[in-house]
Amino acid sequence: MAQLIADRRDIDFVLYEQLEAQALTGTAKFKKLNRKTFDMIVNEARNLALKEILPTFAAGDREGVRFENGHVQVPACYHRPFKLMREGGWNAMTADPELGGQGLPYCVAWASSEYIVGANSAFALYAYIGHAAGELIALYGTEEQKRLYLKNMYTGKWCGTMLLTEPQAGSDVGAISTVAVKNADGTYSLTGIKTFISAGDHDLTENIIHPVLARIEGAPSGTKGISLFLVPKIRVNDDGGLGEPNDIVCTGVIEKMGIHGSATCSMALGSRGDCRGYLLGEENSGMRIMFHLMNTSRLGIGFIGFTCGSSAYLYALDYAAKRLQGKDIERVRDPMAPQVPIIRHPDVRRMLMWMKAHVEGMRSLIYFTHHALDLAAVSTRKDTQVYHRDLVELLTPVVKSYCTDHGFEVCVEAMQVLGGYGYTRDYPLEQLARDCKVTSIYEGTNGIQAMDLLGRKLGMKQGAVFMNLLGEMQKTADRAGSMPILKDLAARLKKTIDRLGETALHLGTAAMSPKMRTAFAYAKPFMDVVGDVCLAWMHVWRASVAATRLEKIVGSLDPANRMQKAAQNREAAFYEGVLQTARFYINAVVPVTVGKMIAISSGDTAVLDIPEASLGG
């Protein structure tokens, strides 16, 4: 099949037409950049992904990682593209150039990452995790820790991880048992077992810096008593050179359904009694610090789910346009009728439209969320900074949960378009589905994300942040409502926003009442509803931009003129696609969302009332 990763035309549409990201270059932070630079960077990311990373997709899956003599070896084909990633500064695109980054806005960095992550997410994880872990040091580390670790992690010379999960604790972080004992020299001796550690060991870099959650002897129980430590695989001397190996080792790699090229490790700390760690931040503040990395990672995992879906949709679209099978439905009884591409069949078109609507809606939502980080970074007003960061905090569990669930669903639907071929290893769909599935489990399962949304994020600042989100949606609906072509879609969006507000109030109130258990039984459906409405908002926003552009090309928005022009002009065809996709989403998907909200508001308690013995087994 053709090499398909991302839709560049839609990337440009979201960046420059919907979000107007080029305006960032007029701010002090990004004044040295321009749109030409943004385009060049995205182009280079595309070239790197297609030429160097995409060939590792199937090869790395089939070779997998190897655990030999206590060390992990990644697929051999990973080494060259990782070296090129490091040399090109792709590991930390948003970081300060003086520290090895490119100093890019988040939205442009993630546009570039559509190609890098979309080409092979199992590979990309090694490249990006060092930057994510390094940000903890940049924010909470001492000047000495920054000097010793930061540039090497940002440039990809060293990698990083996140050692959180333990076999007996799982998602219950407060139950971790890794212990830290303070030494006379200010270091800490750590002892414990960690599991499900991505990139816990590998042979891509000369060192790996592990942020490790542990409890100092005598610290309070639960999450309040957890501290965070930097535990290098190879100890770092005062001059920045490498010293002796630390007492932290990989005890095995976990065999998984997908992402076979990603080393998921079990790790032992202090098995020889000599694992030395260095406190990051203050004692007992580990969870607060680690949440920064977790939230960054959650946005990244949502992005991976989306990119899997994006690639899957493009493969399905390409196949449907070329695969000849069956006759046009109007001529099905005509023995002389020729075979047609399956894209002509109504049910295949339905599947493609559903995938297109979700992929493009997710792209807009993800870029919007990262653009909010950029707007916070360039603003000189404290209240504006807080406003945008609050929106990001609220949307983080939504992006993580919704985009991983629906990215996987797109992979499954794309496989359906290919039929039996989609289920074979001759095509990339089965691997995309396998690789994507873990994203709904990574970094806190999607059920946990839903509990976070209902239990924490919905009530942020007495509900003001959620109301701000609804306000942003209403502004879009108002703008679209002033355009005759979008008047009906905007009206339906407004009704849906109002219904979401009512549903949120109902569920949020129940969550703080004796009906708490019932409310949390509906947390995940509520999460899905919020994601659905966010995509409805994005599609109406996209349509309002497209309608303006289309009118300039066609001269009017008369349907006959639009269709005629779309058949002759690629730009007109693109904008017409945006309009029709918004129409499909609002008229075919949103009614189902309203039905979900009715179910949530009903408060039926069957889930809680059924005896455990009645569940079967």
Foldseek 3Di string as FASTA:
>chain_A
DDDFFFDVVLLCCLCCQQVNVQCLCVFPLNVVDGVVNLVVLLVVLQVLLVPQQLVCALVQFVVFWDQDPQAIAFRPSLQVSLVVCLVVQLQAQCDDVVLSHVVDFLLSNLSSVSRVCRSHVLSSCQSHQLQLVLVLCVVFNDPLCCVQRNSCSSSSLETEWEFQADPVQGVQSLPAAWEWEADPVQKTAIWDKGFQIWCPGYDNHPKYWYWHWHFYPPADGGLQRIFIWIFMQFDADSVNDTDHGAQKTFPDFDDALASSSIGTTMMTGCPVPGGIIHTGHDGSCHVVSVVSSLLVVLLVLLSSLLSLLNRLLVVLVVQQQPDWDAFQPVCNVPPPGGTHRNCNPVVSVVLSLVSVLVSSLLSSVSSQLSVLCSQLVRDPDPVSVVLSVLLNVLCSLLSQQQSLVVSLVSLVSSLVSVPPVSCDPVDCSVNSNSHSNCSCVPSHHSLRSLCCNLVPSCCVVHNVSVVVVLVVLLVLLVLLCVPVVRVVLSVLLNVLSVLLVVLSVLLSVCCPDPNVVLSSVCSSLNSNLVSLSSSLSVLSSSLSSLVVVLCVVQVHVDPVSLVVVLVPDVSSVVSVSSNVSSVCSSPPPVVVSVVSSVVSNVSDCPVPPDDPPVVDD
